[in-house]
């Protein structure tokens, strides 16, 4: 069994997860869709940051903070179905 995945495979899986989150959110389960979407987007951000040659902190922290805010917002939604 393989010990690690390539960044291309991680990106493809996370794009599928983001798409799944969008579909779940549009079909009515807004909270679950938002949580799945934020987790998939944060994986994409981390994968892209690891490929950069010149690493600036803002390129990691700003998109991650947006994903974290979406996650927290999804948890605090009242009556989300």
PDB file of N, CA and C in Angstrom:
ATOM      1  N   UNK A   1       0.831  -1.173   0.000  1.00  0.00           N
ATOM      2  CA  UNK A   1       0.000   0.000   0.000  1.00  0.00           C
ATOM      3  C   UNK A   1       0.882   1.244   0.000  1.00  0.00           C
ATOM      4  N   UNK A   2       0.431   2.281  -0.664  1.00  0.00           N
ATOM      5  CA  UNK A   2       1.214   3.504  -0.758  1.00  0.00           C
ATOM      6  C   UNK A   2       1.227   4.233   0.583  1.00  0.00           C
ATOM      7  N   UNK A   3       2.354   4.846   0.893  1.00  0.00           N
ATOM      8  CA  UNK A   3       2.466   5.551   2.154  1.00  0.00           C
ATOM      9  C   UNK A   3       2.001   6.995   2.071  1.00  0.00           C
ATOM     10  N   UNK A   4       2.085   7.597   0.889  1.00  0.00           N
ATOM     11  CA  UNK A   4       1.668   8.988   0.769  1.00  0.00           C
ATOM     12  C   UNK A   4       0.996   9.210  -0.584  1.00  0.00           C
ATOM     13  N   UNK A   5       0.309  10.307  -0.673  1.00  0.00           N
ATOM     14  CA  UNK A   5      -0.373  10.680  -1.899  1.00  0.00           C
ATOM     15  C   UNK A   5       0.366  11.840  -2.541  1.00  0.00           C
ATOM     16  N   UNK A   6       0.270  11.936  -3.847  1.00  0.00           N
ATOM     17  CA  UNK A   6       0.881  13.077  -4.526  1.00  0.00           C
ATOM     18  C   UNK A   6      -0.026  14.296  -4.357  1.00  0.00           C
ATOM     19  N   UNK A   7       0.535  15.475  -4.561  1.00  0.00           N
ATOM     20  CA  UNK A   7      -0.249  16.700  -4.407  1.00  0.00           C
ATOM     21  C   UNK A   7      -1.357  16.790  -5.445  1.00  0.00           C
ATOM     22  N   UNK A   8      -1.120  16.216  -6.617  1.00  0.00           N
ATOM     23  CA  UNK A   8      -2.153  16.218  -7.651  1.00  0.00           C
ATOM     24  C   UNK A   8      -3.353  15.381  -7.217  1.00  0.00           C
ATOM     25  N   UNK A   9      -3.091  14.243  -6.607  1.00  0.00           N
ATOM     26  CA  UNK A   9      -4.176  13.395  -6.117  1.00  0.00           C
ATOM     27  C   UNK A   9      -4.933  14.072  -4.979  1.00  0.00           C
ATOM     28  N   UNK A  10      -4.200  14.740  -4.098  1.00  0.00           N
ATOM     29  CA  UNK A  10      -4.839  15.449  -2.991  1.00  0.00           C
ATOM     30  C   UNK A  10      -5.726  16.563  -3.528  1.00  0.00           C
ATOM     31  N   UNK A  11      -5.257  17.289  -4.528  1.00  0.00           N
ATOM     32  CA  UNK A  11      -6.036  18.378  -5.111  1.00  0.00           C
ATOM     33  C   UNK A  11      -7.305  17.844  -5.773  1.00  0.00           C
ATOM     34  N   UNK A  12      -7.201  16.729  -6.495  1.00  0.00           N
ATOM     35  CA  UNK A  12      -8.382  16.162  -7.159  1.00  0.00           C
ATOM     36  C   UNK A  12      -9.427  15.708  -6.142  1.00  0.00           C
ATOM     37  N   UNK A  13      -8.965  15.050  -5.081  1.00  0.00           N
ATOM     38  CA  UNK A  13      -9.897  14.576  -4.059  1.00  0.00           C
ATOM     39  C   UNK A  13     -10.552  15.753  -3.348  1.00  0.00           C
ATOM     40  N   UNK A  14      -9.775  16.792  -3.053  1.00  0.00           N
ATOM     41  CA  UNK A  14     -10.355  17.941  -2.363  1.00  0.00           C
ATOM     42  C   UNK A  14     -11.321  18.707  -3.267  1.00  0.00           C
ATOM     43  N   UNK A  15     -11.076  18.749  -4.571  1.00  0.00           N
ATOM     44  CA  UNK A  15     -12.046  19.364  -5.481  1.00  0.00           C
ATOM     45  C   UNK A  15     -13.344  18.568  -5.520  1.00  0.00           C
ATOM     46  N   UNK A  16     -13.238  17.256  -5.452  1.00  0.00           N
ATOM     47  CA  UNK A  16     -14.439  16.418  -5.387  1.00  0.00           C
ATOM     48  C   UNK A  16     -15.193  16.684  -4.091  1.00  0.00           C
ATOM     49  N   UNK A  17     -14.450  16.845  -2.987  1.00  0.00           N
ATOM     50  CA  UNK A  17     -15.077  17.130  -1.693  1.00  0.00           C
ATOM     51  C   UNK A  17     -15.785  18.490  -1.728  1.00  0.00           C
ATOM     52  N   UNK A  18     -15.156  19.494  -2.340  1.00  0.00           N
ATOM     53  CA  UNK A  18     -15.786  20.815  -2.455  1.00  0.00           C
ATOM     54  C   UNK A  18     -17.052  20.718  -3.305  1.00  0.00           C
ATOM     55  N   UNK A  19     -16.989  20.005  -4.410  1.00  0.00           N
ATOM     56  CA  UNK A  19     -18.172  19.818  -5.246  1.00  0.00           C
ATOM     57  C   UNK A  19     -19.281  19.093  -4.512  1.00  0.00           C
ATOM     58  N   UNK A  20     -18.916  18.096  -3.731  1.00  0.00           N
ATOM     59  CA  UNK A  20     -19.894  17.366  -2.930  1.00  0.00           C
ATOM     60  C   UNK A  20     -20.528  18.289  -1.896  1.00  0.00           C
ATOM     61  N   UNK A  21     -19.713  19.139  -1.288  1.00  0.00           N
ATOM     62  CA  UNK A  21     -20.250  20.102  -0.326  1.00  0.00           C
ATOM     63  C   UNK A  21     -21.217  21.080  -0.966  1.00  0.00           C
ATOM     64  N   UNK A  22     -20.902  21.520  -2.180  1.00  0.00           N
ATOM     65  CA  UNK A  22     -21.814  22.418  -2.898  1.00  0.00           C
ATOM     66  C   UNK A  22     -23.140  21.739  -3.210  1.00  0.00           C
ATOM     67  N   UNK A  23     -23.065  20.505  -3.670  1.00  0.00           N
ATOM     68  CA  UNK A  23     -24.298  19.769  -4.000  1.00  0.00           C
ATOM     69  C   UNK A  23     -25.128  19.527  -2.747  1.00  0.00           C
ATOM     70  N   UNK A  24     -24.484  19.135  -1.663  1.00  0.00           N
ATOM     71  CA  UNK A  24     -25.221  18.895  -0.413  1.00  0.00           C
ATOM     72  C   UNK A  24     -25.846  20.191   0.091  1.00  0.00           C
ATOM     73  N   UNK A  25     -25.093  21.299   0.001  1.00  0.00           N
ATOM     74  CA  UNK A  25     -25.628  22.578   0.445  1.00  0.00           C
ATOM     75  C   UNK A  25     -26.799  23.053  -0.388  1.00  0.00           C
ATOM     76  N   UNK A  26     -26.748  22.816  -1.689  1.00  0.00           N
ATOM     77  CA  UNK A  26     -27.842  23.254  -2.566  1.00  0.00           C
ATOM     78  C   UNK A  26     -29.083  22.392  -2.421  1.00  0.00           C
ATOM     79  N   UNK A  27     -28.916  21.153  -1.996  1.00  0.00           N
ATOM     80  CA  UNK A  27     -30.085  20.281  -1.873  1.00  0.00           C
ATOM     81  C   UNK A  27     -30.813  20.445  -0.552  1.00  0.00           C
ATOM     82  N   UNK A  28     -30.283  21.264   0.341  1.00  0.00           N
ATOM     83  CA  UNK A  28     -31.049  21.546   1.547  1.00  0.00           C
ATOM     84  C   UNK A  28     -30.291  21.414   2.847  1.00  0.00           C
ATOM     85  N   UNK A  29     -29.236  20.650   2.897  1.00  0.00           N
ATOM     86  CA  UNK A  29     -28.465  20.485   4.130  1.00  0.00           C
ATOM     87  C   UNK A  29     -27.350  21.534   4.153  1.00  0.00           C
ATOM     88  N   UNK A  30     -27.739  22.761   4.469  1.00  0.00           N
ATOM     89  CA  UNK A  30     -26.825  23.895   4.359  1.00  0.00           C
ATOM     90  C   UNK A  30     -25.651  23.765   5.322  1.00  0.00           C
ATOM     91  N   UNK A  31     -25.916  23.384   6.545  1.00  0.00           N
ATOM     92  CA  UNK A  31     -24.855  23.274   7.542  1.00  0.00           C
ATOM     93  C   UNK A  31     -23.838  22.205   7.146  1.00  0.00           C
ATOM     94  N   UNK A  32     -24.304  21.059   6.777  1.00  0.00           N
ATOM     95  CA  UNK A  32     -23.401  19.971   6.386  1.00  0.00           C
ATOM     96  C   UNK A  32     -22.621  20.336   5.127  1.00  0.00           C
ATOM     97  N   UNK A  33     -23.287  20.933   4.160  1.00  0.00           N
ATOM     98  CA  UNK A  33     -22.612  21.350   2.932  1.00  0.00           C
ATOM     99  C   UNK A  33     -21.537  22.382   3.187  1.00  0.00           C
ATOM    100  N   UNK A  34     -21.810  23.339   4.077  1.00  0.00           N
ATOM    101  CA  UNK A  34     -20.819  24.371   4.386  1.00  0.00           C
ATOM    102  C   UNK A  34     -19.614  23.799   5.109  1.00  0.00           C
ATOM    103  N   UNK A  35     -19.845  22.869   6.009  1.00  0.00           N
ATOM    104  CA  UNK A  35     -18.735  22.251   6.733  1.00  0.00           C
ATOM    105  C   UNK A  35     -17.860  21.452   5.780  1.00  0.00           C
ATOM    106  N   UNK A  36     -18.474  20.664   4.922  1.00  0.00           N
ATOM    107  CA  UNK A  36     -17.704  19.870   3.956  1.00  0.00           C
ATOM    108  C   UNK A  36     -16.955  20.774   2.989  1.00  0.00           C
ATOM    109  N   UNK A  37     -17.609  21.834   2.530  1.00  0.00           N
ATOM    110  CA  UNK A  37     -16.976  22.768   1.607  1.00  0.00           C
ATOM    111  C   UNK A  37     -15.776  23.463   2.261  1.00  0.00           C
ATOM    112  N   UNK A  38     -15.897  23.878   3.504  1.00  0.00           N
ATOM    113  CA  UNK A  38     -14.781  24.561   4.167  1.00  0.00           C
ATOM    114  C   UNK A  38     -13.610  23.623   4.410  1.00  0.00           C
ATOM    115  N   UNK A  39     -13.879  22.381   4.726  1.00  0.00           N
ATOM    116  CA  UNK A  39     -12.787  21.421   4.915  1.00  0.00           C
ATOM    117  C   UNK A  39     -12.070  21.131   3.599  1.00  0.00           C
ATOM    118  N   UNK A  40     -12.832  20.966   2.523  1.00  0.00           N
ATOM    119  CA  UNK A  40     -12.214  20.727   1.221  1.00  0.00           C
ATOM    120  C   UNK A  40     -11.409  21.920   0.730  1.00  0.00           C
ATOM    121  N   UNK A  41     -11.936  23.125   0.956  1.00  0.00           N
ATOM    122  CA  UNK A  41     -11.221  24.326   0.534  1.00  0.00           C
ATOM    123  C   UNK A  41      -9.937  24.523   1.321  1.00  0.00           C
ATOM    124  N   UNK A  42      -9.952  24.191   2.602  1.00  0.00           N
ATOM    125  CA  UNK A  42      -8.731  24.341   3.399  1.00  0.00           C
ATOM    126  C   UNK A  42      -7.663  23.345   2.962  1.00  0.00           C
ATOM    127  N   UNK A  43      -8.066  22.170   2.531  1.00  0.00           N
ATOM    128  CA  UNK A  43      -7.093  21.205   2.010  1.00  0.00           C
ATOM    129  C   UNK A  43      -6.476  21.724   0.711  1.00  0.00           C
ATOM    130  N   UNK A  44      -7.285  22.359  -0.141  1.00  0.00           N
ATOM    131  CA  UNK A  44      -6.766  22.944  -1.377  1.00  0.00           C
ATOM    132  C   UNK A  44      -5.759  24.040  -1.060  1.00  0.00           C
ATOM    133  N   UNK A  45      -6.068  24.875  -0.091  1.00  0.00           N
ATOM    134  CA  UNK A  45      -5.169  25.974   0.287  1.00  0.00           C
ATOM    135  C   UNK A  45      -3.833  25.433   0.779  1.00  0.00           C
ATOM    136  N   UNK A  46      -3.872  24.430   1.626  1.00  0.00           N
ATOM    137  CA  UNK A  46      -2.635  23.859   2.164  1.00  0.00           C
ATOM    138  C   UNK A  46      -1.826  23.181   1.064  1.00  0.00           C
ATOM    139  N   UNK A  47      -2.498  22.497   0.133  1.00  0.00           N
ATOM    140  CA  UNK A  47      -1.782  21.838  -0.959  1.00  0.00           C
ATOM    141  C   UNK A  47      -1.115  22.855  -1.882  1.00  0.00           C
ATOM    142  N   UNK A  48      -1.810  23.951  -2.175  1.00  0.00           N
ATOM    143  CA  UNK A  48      -1.214  24.987  -3.028  1.00  0.00           C
ATOM    144  C   UNK A  48      -0.064  25.689  -2.328  1.00  0.00           C
ATOM    145  N   UNK A  49      -0.200  25.926  -1.034  1.00  0.00           N
ATOM    146  CA  UNK A  49       0.864  26.606  -0.292  1.00  0.00           C
ATOM    147  C   UNK A  49       2.128  25.759  -0.244  1.00  0.00           C
ATOM    148  N   UNK A  50       1.976  24.455  -0.165  1.00  0.00           N
ATOM    149  CA  UNK A  50       3.151  23.586  -0.098  1.00  0.00           C
ATOM    150  C   UNK A  50       3.900  23.540  -1.432  1.00  0.00           C
ATOM    151  N   UNK A  51       3.244  23.931  -2.534  1.00  0.00           N
ATOM    152  CA  UNK A  51       3.901  23.930  -3.835  1.00  0.00           C
ATOM    153  C   UNK A  51       4.619  25.233  -4.148  1.00  0.00           C
ATOM    154  N   UNK A  52       4.357  26.275  -3.394  1.00  0.00           N
ATOM    155  CA  UNK A  52       4.967  27.568  -3.680  1.00  0.00           C
ATOM    156  C   UNK A  52       6.456  27.552  -3.383  1.00  0.00           C
ATOM    157  N   UNK A  53       7.219  28.233  -4.220  1.00  0.00           N
ATOM    158  CA  UNK A  53       8.655  28.342  -3.984  1.00  0.00           C
ATOM    159  C   UNK A  53       8.964  29.455  -2.992  1.00  0.00           C
ATOM    160  N   UNK A  54       8.317  30.611  -3.164  1.00  0.00           N
ATOM    161  CA  UNK A  54       8.458  31.719  -2.225  1.00  0.00           C
ATOM    162  C   UNK A  54       7.221  31.698  -1.337  1.00  0.00           C
ATOM    163  N   UNK A  55       7.405  31.395  -0.066  1.00  0.00           N
ATOM    164  CA  UNK A  55       6.274  31.226   0.835  1.00  0.00           C
ATOM    165  C   UNK A  55       6.077  32.478   1.671  1.00  0.00           C
ATOM    166  N   UNK A  56       4.935  33.120   1.453  1.00  0.00           N
ATOM    167  CA  UNK A  56       4.546  34.257   2.265  1.00  0.00           C
ATOM    168  C   UNK A  56       3.396  33.810   3.154  1.00  0.00           C
ATOM    169  N   UNK A  57       3.433  34.218   4.388  1.00  0.00           N
ATOM    170  CA  UNK A  57       2.437  33.758   5.354  1.00  0.00           C
ATOM    171  C   UNK A  57       1.021  34.178   5.001  1.00  0.00           C
ATOM    172  N   UNK A  58       0.873  35.351   4.389  1.00  0.00           N
ATOM    173  CA  UNK A  58      -0.466  35.843   4.065  1.00  0.00           C
ATOM    174  C   UNK A  58      -1.158  34.934   3.056  1.00  0.00           C
ATOM    175  N   UNK A  59      -0.395  34.274   2.204  1.00  0.00           N
ATOM    176  CA  UNK A  59      -0.981  33.383   1.203  1.00  0.00           C
ATOM    177  C   UNK A  59      -1.516  32.094   1.819  1.00  0.00           C
ATOM    178  N   UNK A  60      -1.129  31.827   3.046  1.00  0.00           N
ATOM    179  CA  UNK A  60      -1.664  30.669   3.755  1.00  0.00           C
ATOM    180  C   UNK A  60      -2.754  31.089   4.732  1.00  0.00           C
ATOM    181  N   UNK A  61      -2.481  32.134   5.512  1.00  0.00           N
ATOM    182  CA  UNK A  61      -3.380  32.478   6.605  1.00  0.00           C
ATOM    183  C   UNK A  61      -4.691  33.116   6.154  1.00  0.00           C
ATOM    184  N   UNK A  62      -4.664  33.958   5.154  1.00  0.00           N
ATOM    185  CA  UNK A  62      -5.895  34.608   4.721  1.00  0.00           C
ATOM    186  C   UNK A  62      -6.923  33.610   4.170  1.00  0.00           C
ATOM    187  N   UNK A  63      -6.565  32.728   3.225  1.00  0.00           N
ATOM    188  CA  UNK A  63      -7.562  31.742   2.766  1.00  0.00           C
ATOM    189  C   UNK A  63      -7.972  30.757   3.860  1.00  0.00           C
ATOM    190  N   UNK A  64      -7.027  30.404   4.737  1.00  0.00           N
ATOM    191  CA  UNK A  64      -7.395  29.500   5.835  1.00  0.00           C
ATOM    192  C   UNK A  64      -8.354  30.168   6.810  1.00  0.00           C
ATOM    193  N   UNK A  65      -8.163  31.447   7.066  1.00  0.00           N
ATOM    194  CA  UNK A  65      -9.084  32.154   7.957  1.00  0.00           C
ATOM    195  C   UNK A  65     -10.481  32.249   7.339  1.00  0.00           C
ATOM    196  N   UNK A  66     -10.549  32.413   6.024  1.00  0.00           N
ATOM    197  CA  UNK A  66     -11.853  32.431   5.364  1.00  0.00           C
ATOM    198  C   UNK A  66     -12.533  31.072   5.504  1.00  0.00           C
ATOM    199  N   UNK A  67     -11.773  29.991   5.345  1.00  0.00           N
ATOM    200  CA  UNK A  67     -12.335  28.639   5.509  1.00  0.00           C
ATOM    201  C   UNK A  67     -12.779  28.402   6.950  1.00  0.00           C
ATOM    202  N   UNK A  68     -11.992  28.873   7.908  1.00  0.00           N
ATOM    203  CA  UNK A  68     -12.349  28.706   9.317  1.00  0.00           C
ATOM    204  C   UNK A  68     -13.600  29.511   9.641  1.00  0.00           C
ATOM    205  N   UNK A  69     -13.704  30.718   9.094  1.00  0.00           N
ATOM    206  CA  UNK A  69     -14.910  31.530   9.323  1.00  0.00           C
ATOM    207  C   UNK A  69     -16.146  30.863   8.733  1.00  0.00           C
ATOM    208  N   UNK A  70     -16.018  30.261   7.556  1.00  0.00           N
ATOM    209  CA  UNK A  70     -17.144  29.535   6.962  1.00  0.00           C
ATOM    210  C   UNK A  70     -17.541  28.355   7.838  1.00  0.00           C
ATOM    211  N   UNK A  71     -16.559  27.656   8.383  1.00  0.00           N
ATOM    212  CA  UNK A  71     -16.818  26.518   9.265  1.00  0.00           C
ATOM    213  C   UNK A  71     -17.558  26.981  10.525  1.00  0.00           C
ATOM    214  N   UNK A  72     -17.086  28.052  11.146  1.00  0.00           N
ATOM    215  CA  UNK A  72     -17.718  28.563  12.361  1.00  0.00           C
ATOM    216  C   UNK A  72     -19.117  29.088  12.049  1.00  0.00           C
ATOM    217  N   UNK A  73     -19.264  29.759  10.929  1.00  0.00           N
ATOM    218  CA  UNK A  73     -20.581  30.247  10.532  1.00  0.00           C
ATOM    219  C   UNK A  73     -21.557  29.089  10.325  1.00  0.00           C
ATOM    220  N   UNK A  74     -21.083  28.010   9.752  1.00  0.00           N
ATOM    221  CA  UNK A  74     -21.947  26.845   9.537  1.00  0.00           C
ATOM    222  C   UNK A  74     -22.376  26.235  10.865  1.00  0.00           C
ATOM    223  N   UNK A  75     -21.501  26.271  11.848  1.00  0.00           N
ATOM    224  CA  UNK A  75     -21.856  25.711  13.144  1.00  0.00           C
ATOM    225  C   UNK A  75     -22.835  26.596  13.914  1.00  0.00           C
ATOM    226  N   UNK A  76     -22.797  27.895  13.651  1.00  0.00           N
ATOM    227  CA  UNK A  76     -23.667  28.803  14.395  1.00  0.00           C
ATOM    228  C   UNK A  76     -24.968  29.136  13.672  1.00  0.00           C
ATOM    229  N   UNK A  77     -25.222  28.527  12.524  1.00  0.00           N
ATOM    230  CA  UNK A  77     -26.463  28.794  11.807  1.00  0.00           C
ATOM    231  C   UNK A  77     -27.671  28.320  12.623  1.00  0.00           C
ATOM    232  N   UNK A  78     -28.648  29.176  12.805  1.00  0.00           N
ATOM    233  CA  UNK A  78     -29.848  28.713  13.517  1.00  0.00           C
ATOM    234  C   UNK A  78     -30.789  27.973  12.562  1.00  0.00           C
ATOM    235  N   UNK A  79     -31.301  26.884  13.003  1.00  0.00           N
ATOM    236  CA  UNK A  79     -32.297  26.118  12.261  1.00  0.00           C
ATOM    237  C   UNK A  79     -31.838  25.715  10.870  1.00  0.00           C
ATOM    238  N   UNK A  80     -30.583  25.411  10.699  1.00  0.00           N
ATOM    239  CA  UNK A  80     -30.101  24.949   9.385  1.00  0.00           C
ATOM    240  C   UNK A  80     -30.558  23.516   9.173  1.00  0.00           C
ATOM    241  N   UNK A  81     -31.053  23.249   7.988  1.00  0.00           N
ATOM    242  CA  UNK A  81     -31.562  21.906   7.718  1.00  0.00           C
ATOM    243  C   UNK A  81     -30.767  21.237   6.652  1.00  0.00           C
TER     244      UNK A  81
END
